[in-house]
C-alpha atoms as a PDB file:
ATOM      1  CA  MET A   1     136.642  26.740  13.473  1.00  0.00           C
ATOM      2  CA  VAL A   2     134.586  29.287  10.847  1.00  0.00           C
ATOM      3  CA  ARG A   3     136.948  31.486  12.267  1.00  0.00           C
ATOM      4  CA  ASP A   4     140.370  29.692  11.246  1.00  0.00           C
ATOM      5  CA  VAL A   5     139.102  28.579   8.469  1.00  0.00           C
ATOM      6  CA  GLU A   6     138.436  32.450   7.127  1.00  0.00           C
ATOM      7  CA  VAL A   7     141.737  33.371   8.881  1.00  0.00           C
ATOM      8  CA  LEU A   8     143.403  30.114   6.355  1.00  0.00           C
ATOM      9  CA  THR A   9     141.603  31.237   3.210  1.00  0.00           C
ATOM     10  CA  TRP A  10     143.113  34.795   3.292  1.00  0.00           C
ATOM     11  CA  MET A  11     146.123  33.363   4.104  1.00  0.00           C
ATOM     12  CA  GLN A  12     145.850  31.131   1.113  1.00  0.00           C
ATOM     13  CA  LEU A  13     144.986  34.042  -1.157  1.00  0.00           C
ATOM     14  CA  ALA A  14     148.214  36.076  -0.050  1.00  0.00           C
ATOM     15  CA  ARG A  15     150.282  32.899  -1.136  1.00  0.00           C
ATOM     16  CA  ILE A  16     148.272  32.584  -4.597  1.00  0.00           C
ATOM     17  CA  GLU A  17     148.816  36.482  -5.138  1.00  0.00           C
ATOM     18  CA  VAL A  18     152.751  35.884  -4.837  1.00  0.00           C
ATOM     19  CA  ASP A  19     152.944  33.083  -6.974  1.00  0.00           C
ATOM     20  CA  ILE A  20     151.042  34.656  -9.566  1.00  0.00           C
ATOM     21  CA  LEU A  21     153.612  37.633  -9.444  1.00  0.00           C
ATOM     22  CA  CYS A  22     156.260  35.477  -9.178  1.00  0.00           C
ATOM     23  CA  ASP A  23     155.162  33.096 -12.313  1.00  0.00           C
ATOM     24  CA  GLU A  24     155.422  30.075 -10.009  1.00  0.00           C
ATOM     25  CA  LEU A  25     152.016  28.865 -10.154  1.00  0.00           C
ATOM     26  CA  ARG A  26     152.838  26.682 -13.121  1.00  0.00           C
ATOM     27  CA  ARG A  27     154.738  24.547 -10.724  1.00  0.00           C
ATOM     28  CA  ARG A  28     152.958  24.540  -7.751  1.00  0.00           C
ATOM     29  CA  PRO A  29     150.042  21.812  -7.536  1.00  0.00           C
ATOM     30  CA  GLN A  30     146.961  23.579  -6.457  1.00  0.00           C
ATOM     31  CA  PRO A  31     146.281  24.003  -2.749  1.00  0.00           C
ATOM     32  CA  ARG A  32     144.617  20.991  -0.946  1.00  0.00           C
ATOM     33  CA  PRO A  33     141.217  21.102   0.587  1.00  0.00           C
ATOM     34  CA  LEU A  34     141.236  22.588   4.357  1.00  0.00           C
ATOM     35  CA  CYS A  35     140.419  19.269   6.884  1.00  0.00           C
ATOM     36  CA  ALA A  36     138.988  19.838  10.255  1.00  0.00           C
ATOM     37  CA  GLY A  37     140.582  17.946  13.138  1.00  0.00           C
ATOM     38  CA  ASP A  38     138.597  14.637  11.882  1.00  0.00           C
ATOM     39  CA  GLY A  39     139.995  15.119   8.210  1.00  0.00           C
ATOM     40  CA  ARG A  40     136.632  16.008   7.001  1.00  0.00           C
ATOM     41  CA  GLU A  41     137.078  18.161   3.898  1.00  0.00           C
ATOM     42  CA  ILE A  42     135.829  22.026   4.720  1.00  0.00           C
ATOM     43  CA  HIS A  43     133.161  23.459   2.007  1.00  0.00           C
ATOM     44  CA  HIS A  44     133.384  27.001   2.226  1.00  0.00           C
ATOM     45  CA  PRO A  45     132.638  29.558  -0.646  1.00  0.00           C
ATOM     46  CA  ASP A  46     135.898  31.318  -0.293  1.00  0.00           C
ATOM     47  CA  ILE A  47     138.185  28.044  -0.071  1.00  0.00           C
ATOM     48  CA  ALA A  48     136.599  27.591  -3.696  1.00  0.00           C
ATOM     49  CA  LEU A  49     136.904  30.994  -5.087  1.00  0.00           C
ATOM     50  CA  HIS A  50     140.574  31.076  -3.893  1.00  0.00           C
ATOM     51  CA  GLY A  51     141.173  27.798  -5.335  1.00  0.00           C
ATOM     52  CA  THR A  52     139.806  28.323  -8.785  1.00  0.00           C
ATOM     53  CA  LEU A  53     141.382  31.733  -8.585  1.00  0.00           C
ATOM     54  CA  CYS A  54     144.759  29.848  -8.029  1.00  0.00           C
ATOM     55  CA  ALA A  55     144.706  27.211 -11.082  1.00  0.00           C
ATOM     56  CA  GLY A  56     143.535  29.609 -13.863  1.00  0.00           C
ATOM     57  CA  GLY A  57     145.761  32.737 -12.378  1.00  0.00           C
ATOM     58  CA  ARG A  58     148.264  31.040 -14.772  1.00  0.00           C
ATOM     59  CA  PRO A  59     148.239  27.963 -17.647  1.00  0.00           C
ATOM     60  CA  SER A  60     150.711  25.455 -16.563  1.00  0.00           C
ATOM     61  CA  PRO A  61     151.601  22.459 -19.230  1.00  0.00           C
ATOM     62  CA  SER A  62     148.252  20.937 -18.525  1.00  0.00           C
ATOM     63  CA  CYS A  63     146.345  23.617 -18.374  1.00  0.00           C
ATOM     64  CA  ALA A  64     145.719  25.423 -21.792  1.00  0.00           C
ATOM     65  CA  TRP A  65     144.261  29.198 -21.844  1.00  0.00           C
ATOM     66  CA  ASP A  66     140.737  27.843 -22.452  1.00  0.00           C
ATOM     67  CA  GLU A  67     140.852  26.269 -19.469  1.00  0.00           C
ATOM     68  CA  SER A  68     142.451  29.021 -17.691  1.00  0.00           C
ATOM     69  CA  ILE A  69     139.740  31.199 -19.252  1.00  0.00           C
ATOM     70  CA  ALA A  70     136.948  29.064 -17.844  1.00  0.00           C
ATOM     71  CA  MET A  71     138.514  28.750 -13.876  1.00  0.00           C
ATOM     72  CA  LEU A  72     138.600  32.738 -14.470  1.00  0.00           C
ATOM     73  CA  GLU A  73     134.887  32.862 -15.537  1.00  0.00           C
ATOM     74  CA  GLU A  74     133.827  30.784 -12.620  1.00  0.00           C
ATOM     75  CA  ALA A  75     135.946  32.910 -10.054  1.00  0.00           C
ATOM     76  CA  LEU A  76     134.544  36.053 -11.580  1.00  0.00           C
ATOM     77  CA  LEU A  77     131.093  34.632 -11.209  1.00  0.00           C
ATOM     78  CA  ALA A  78     132.012  33.375  -7.428  1.00  0.00           C
ATOM     79  CA  ALA A  79     133.397  37.285  -6.675  1.00  0.00           C
ATOM     80  CA  THR A  80     130.552  39.183  -8.318  1.00  0.00           C
ATOM     81  CA  SER A  81     127.828  36.946  -6.541  1.00  0.00           C
ATOM     82  CA  GLY A  82     128.848  36.668  -3.376  1.00  0.00           C
ATOM     83  CA  THR A  83     130.926  38.191  -0.343  1.00  0.00           C
ATOM     84  CA  ASN A  84     134.215  38.674  -2.311  1.00  0.00           C
ATOM     85  CA  ARG A  85     132.884  41.613  -4.399  1.00  0.00           C
ATOM     86  CA  MET A  86     136.503  43.592  -3.428  1.00  0.00           C
ATOM     87  CA  VAL A  87     138.503  41.038  -5.535  1.00  0.00           C
ATOM     88  CA  VAL A  88     136.722  41.541  -8.990  1.00  0.00           C
ATOM     89  CA  GLY A  89     139.281  43.650 -10.468  1.00  0.00           C
ATOM     90  CA  TRP A  90     142.051  41.137  -9.609  1.00  0.00           C
ATOM     91  CA  VAL A  91     139.865  38.525 -11.428  1.00  0.00           C
ATOM     92  CA  ARG A  92     139.262  40.861 -14.078  1.00  0.00           C
ATOM     93  CA  ALA A  93     142.797  41.506 -14.526  1.00  0.00           C
ATOM     94  CA  GLU A  94     143.821  37.984 -14.428  1.00  0.00           C
ATOM     95  CA  LEU A  95     140.858  37.136 -17.101  1.00  0.00           C
ATOM     96  CA  ALA A  96     141.880  39.844 -19.732  1.00  0.00           C
ATOM     97  CA  LYS A  97     145.580  38.045 -19.643  1.00  0.00           C
ATOM     98  CA  ALA A  98     144.514  34.714 -19.840  1.00  0.00           C
ATOM     99  CA  LEU A  99     141.779  36.009 -22.835  1.00  0.00           C
ATOM    100  CA  LEU A 100     144.876  37.962 -24.389  1.00  0.00           C
ATOM    101  CA  GLY A 101     146.826  34.627 -24.400  1.00  0.00           C
ATOM    102  CA  ARG A 102     143.875  32.797 -26.699  1.00  0.00           C
ATOM    103  CA  GLY A 103     143.911  35.459 -28.627  1.00  0.00           C
ATOM    104  CA  ASN A 104     140.516  37.173 -27.959  1.00  0.00           C
ATOM    105  CA  LEU A 105     141.693  40.641 -28.151  1.00  0.00           C
ATOM    106  CA  ASP A 106     138.625  42.428 -27.919  1.00  0.00           C
ATOM    107  CA  ARG A 107     136.729  40.632 -25.089  1.00  0.00           C
ATOM    108  CA  ALA A 108     140.447  40.895 -23.402  1.00  0.00           C
ATOM    109  CA  GLU A 109     140.682  44.460 -23.379  1.00  0.00           C
ATOM    110  CA  HIS A 110     136.911  44.675 -22.384  1.00  0.00           C
ATOM    111  CA  GLU A 111     137.729  42.909 -19.364  1.00  0.00           C
ATOM    112  CA  ALA A 112     140.919  45.185 -18.715  1.00  0.00           C
ATOM    113  CA  GLN A 113     139.203  48.128 -19.259  1.00  0.00           C
ATOM    114  CA  THR A 114     136.186  46.940 -16.808  1.00  0.00           C
ATOM    115  CA  ALA A 115     139.240  45.958 -14.201  1.00  0.00           C
ATOM    116  CA  VAL A 116     140.278  49.794 -14.234  1.00  0.00           C
ATOM    117  CA  THR A 117     136.743  50.929 -13.679  1.00  0.00           C
ATOM    118  CA  VAL A 118     135.958  48.341 -10.692  1.00  0.00           C
ATOM    119  CA  ALA A 119     139.463  49.101  -9.054  1.00  0.00           C
ATOM    120  CA  GLN A 120     139.050  52.450  -9.491  1.00  0.00           C
ATOM    121  CA  ALA A 121     135.135  52.346  -7.928  1.00  0.00           C
ATOM    122  CA  GLN A 122     136.376  49.981  -5.085  1.00  0.00           C
ATOM    123  CA  HIS A 123     139.421  52.563  -4.551  1.00  0.00           C
ATOM    124  CA  SER A 124     141.677  49.586  -4.737  1.00  0.00           C
ATOM    125  CA  ARG A 125     145.206  51.113  -5.657  1.00  0.00           C
ATOM    126  CA  CYS A 126     146.797  47.543  -6.093  1.00  0.00           C
ATOM    127  CA  ASP A 127     144.003  46.196  -8.253  1.00  0.00           C
ATOM    128  CA  GLU A 128     144.119  49.281 -10.415  1.00  0.00           C
ATOM    129  CA  ILE A 129     147.930  48.438 -11.318  1.00  0.00           C
ATOM    130  CA  ARG A 130     147.755  45.312 -12.184  1.00  0.00           C
ATOM    131  CA  ALA A 131     144.275  46.083 -14.124  1.00  0.00           C
ATOM    132  CA  GLN A 132     146.458  49.212 -16.150  1.00  0.00           C
ATOM    133  CA  LEU A 133     148.760  46.802 -16.862  1.00  0.00           C
ATOM    134  CA  ALA A 134     146.512  43.972 -18.174  1.00  0.00           C
ATOM    135  CA  LEU A 135     145.369  47.040 -20.226  1.00  0.00           C
ATOM    136  CA  ALA A 136     148.797  48.320 -21.625  1.00  0.00           C
ATOM    137  CA  HIS A 137     149.193  44.721 -22.829  1.00  0.00           C
ATOM    138  CA  THR A 138     146.131  44.592 -25.090  1.00  0.00           C
ATOM    139  CA  GLN A 139     147.370  47.985 -26.232  1.00  0.00           C
ATOM    140  CA  PHE A 140     150.354  46.718 -27.436  1.00  0.00           C
ATOM    141  CA  HIS A 141     148.357  44.619 -29.767  1.00  0.00           C
ATOM    142  CA  ARG A 142     145.356  46.412 -30.597  1.00  0.00           C
ATOM    143  CA  THR A 143     147.810  49.058 -31.924  1.00  0.00           C
ATOM    144  CA  ASP A 144     150.172  48.434 -34.995  1.00  0.00           C
ATOM    145  CA  ALA A 145     153.813  49.390 -34.344  1.00  0.00           C
ATOM    146  CA  ALA A 146     154.109  52.753 -35.777  1.00  0.00           C
ATOM    147  CA  ALA A 147     151.915  54.228 -34.427  1.00  0.00           C
ATOM    148  CA  LEU A 148     152.442  52.228 -30.703  1.00  0.00           C
ATOM    149  CA  ALA A 149     155.997  53.587 -30.692  1.00  0.00           C
ATOM    150  CA  VAL A 150     154.410  57.084 -30.496  1.00  0.00           C
ATOM    151  CA  LEU A 151     151.746  56.236 -28.407  1.00  0.00           C
ATOM    152  CA  PRO A 152     152.006  58.328 -25.135  1.00  0.00           C
ATOM    153  CA  SER A 153     152.324  55.460 -22.532  1.00  0.00           C
ATOM    154  CA  ARG A 154     149.756  56.864 -20.464  1.00  0.00           C
ATOM    155  CA  ARG A 155     148.708  53.253 -18.365  1.00  0.00           C
ATOM    156  CA  TRP A 156     152.053  52.787 -17.704  1.00  0.00           C
ATOM    157  CA  PHE A 157     152.689  56.169 -15.820  1.00  0.00           C
ATOM    158  CA  ARG A 158     149.144  55.368 -14.151  1.00  0.00           C
ATOM    159  CA  ALA A 159     150.600  52.447 -12.966  1.00  0.00           C
ATOM    160  CA  GLN A 160     154.424  53.920 -11.967  1.00  0.00           C
ATOM    161  CA  GLU A 161     152.165  56.281  -9.960  1.00  0.00           C
ATOM    162  CA  LEU A 162     150.039  53.919  -8.167  1.00  0.00           C
ATOM    163  CA  ILE A 163     153.548  51.674  -7.097  1.00  0.00           C
ATOM    164  CA  ASP A 164     154.814  55.374  -5.929  1.00  0.00           C
ATOM    165  CA  GLU A 165     151.699  55.815  -4.158  1.00  0.00           C
ATOM    166  CA  THR A 166     151.381  52.386  -2.563  1.00  0.00           C
ATOM    167  CA  SER A 167     155.283  51.520  -2.468  1.00  0.00           C
ATOM    168  CA  ALA A 168     153.676  48.212  -4.327  1.00  0.00           C
ATOM    169  CA  ARG A 169     157.121  47.524  -6.029  1.00  0.00           C
ATOM    170  CA  ALA A 170     156.413  43.784  -6.858  1.00  0.00           C
ATOM    171  CA  TYR A 171     154.493  45.479  -9.963  1.00  0.00           C
ATOM    172  CA  GLN A 172     157.603  47.275 -10.718  1.00  0.00           C
ATOM    173  CA  PRO A 173     159.394  44.908 -12.949  1.00  0.00           C
ATOM    174  CA  GLU A 174     156.210  44.337 -15.512  1.00  0.00           C
ATOM    175  CA  VAL A 175     156.560  48.458 -16.100  1.00  0.00           C
ATOM    176  CA  HIS A 176     160.288  47.867 -16.641  1.00  0.00           C
ATOM    177  CA  GLU A 177     159.028  45.040 -18.965  1.00  0.00           C
ATOM    178  CA  CYS A 178     156.299  47.668 -21.023  1.00  0.00           C
ATOM    179  CA  ARG A 179     159.150  50.223 -21.568  1.00  0.00           C
ATOM    180  CA  ALA A 180     161.210  47.537 -22.768  1.00  0.00           C
ATOM    181  CA  TYR A 181     158.599  46.966 -25.441  1.00  0.00           C
ATOM    182  CA  LEU A 182     158.308  50.360 -26.494  1.00  0.00           C
ATOM    183  CA  ALA A 183     161.991  50.609 -26.824  1.00  0.00           C
ATOM    184  CA  ARG A 184     162.121  47.970 -29.290  1.00  0.00           C
ATOM    185  CA  LEU A 185     159.131  49.052 -31.113  1.00  0.00           C
ATOM    186  CA  ARG A 186     161.360  52.713 -31.629  1.00  0.00           C
ATOM    187  CA  GLY A 187     164.538  51.064 -32.685  1.00  0.00           C
ATOM    188  CA  ASP A 188     166.061  51.868 -29.247  1.00  0.00           C
ATOM    189  CA  ALA A 189     167.780  48.047 -28.895  1.00  0.00           C
ATOM    190  CA  PRO A 190     170.184  49.686 -25.748  1.00  0.00           C
ATOM    191  CA  ALA A 191     167.154  51.144 -23.990  1.00  0.00           C
ATOM    192  CA  ALA A 192     165.618  47.963 -24.264  1.00  0.00           C
ATOM    193  CA  ARG A 193     168.500  46.235 -22.958  1.00  0.00           C
ATOM    194  CA  ARG A 194     168.321  48.307 -20.059  1.00  0.00           C
ATOM    195  CA  GLU A 195     164.930  47.825 -19.095  1.00  0.00           C
ATOM    196  CA  LEU A 196     164.630  44.244 -19.392  1.00  0.00           C
ATOM    197  CA  GLU A 197     168.216  44.046 -16.943  1.00  0.00           C
ATOM    198  CA  GLU A 198     166.130  46.327 -14.333  1.00  0.00           C
ATOM    199  CA  ALA A 199     163.020  44.188 -14.766  1.00  0.00           C
ATOM    200  CA  ARG A 200     165.352  40.673 -14.256  1.00  0.00           C
ATOM    201  CA  ARG A 201     167.052  42.378 -11.299  1.00  0.00           C
ATOM    202  CA  LEU A 202     164.274  43.041  -9.734  1.00  0.00           C
ATOM    203  CA  TYR A 203     162.786  39.767 -10.276  1.00  0.00           C
ATOM    204  CA  ALA A 204     165.472  38.283  -8.793  1.00  0.00           C
ATOM    205  CA  GLU A 205     165.883  40.334  -6.003  1.00  0.00           C
ATOM    206  CA  MET A 206     161.788  39.328  -5.347  1.00  0.00           C
ATOM    207  CA  GLY A 207     162.843  35.596  -5.494  1.00  0.00           C
ATOM    208  CA  ALA A 208     160.387  35.530  -8.643  1.00  0.00           C
ATOM    209  CA  THR A 209     163.139  32.969 -10.134  1.00  0.00           C
ATOM    210  CA  MET A 210     161.089  31.710 -13.200  1.00  0.00           C
ATOM    211  CA  GLN A 211     160.299  35.500 -14.062  1.00  0.00           C
ATOM    212  CA  ALA A 212     164.077  36.236 -13.825  1.00  0.00           C
ATOM    213  CA  GLU A 213     165.441  32.974 -16.060  1.00  0.00           C
ATOM    214  CA  ARG A 214     162.129  34.088 -18.486  1.00  0.00           C
ATOM    215  CA  LEU A 215     164.013  37.689 -18.961  1.00  0.00           C
ATOM    216  CA  ALA A 216     167.636  35.728 -18.872  1.00  0.00           C
ATOM    217  CA  LYS A 217     166.737  34.142 -22.011  1.00  0.00           C
ATOM    218  CA  GLU A 218     164.954  36.616 -23.874  1.00  0.00           C
ATOM    219  CA  MET A 219     167.852  38.896 -23.602  1.00  0.00           C
ATOM    220  CA  ASP A 220     170.484  36.056 -24.678  1.00  0.00           C
ATOM    221  CA  GLY A 221     167.810  35.160 -27.609  1.00  0.00           C
END
């Protein structure tokens, strides 16, 4: 049964990752605890970590930024103090985004940069993609519009290199969103719309309907 639990928890982690990328967590219930054949709830540290990451990965109407941050901090502690250090870069990248949503720019930038460092040290290219993108978002808030408009976009260049290297196309739409943001700052509305449309198209192909709907509303607004 222990082996079965380990397989199920890793399957749950993959499901969480898809839901975060598709922005689906806000309308999915938190995963039910795994149970043994007699109905007894199974307590396992990996299950607790994955459930906490799922709950904190994206705030829902019932989960504000402060609560999301607390959950991700709990997941980070579990990852760094247990056997799940391979997901530390991922958890820190998600924590950076939550901190940015809360308006804590300094700490968000620190967590994103740490996520990049950890992912590079672990040679975890997919986690580095999300960390580089999280760091890019902090830079959008860090630099004034005039300076950012001419800032070399090295963060998403690196993210694009990693996507091309790993074929992790799930992250491609967010790169286009970053490019759209910069195009707006430069006053190039047609380029911004092209980038958003490409991001929307890719989300739709992925089946990420909430992400596609979000961008469709943004383009119509």
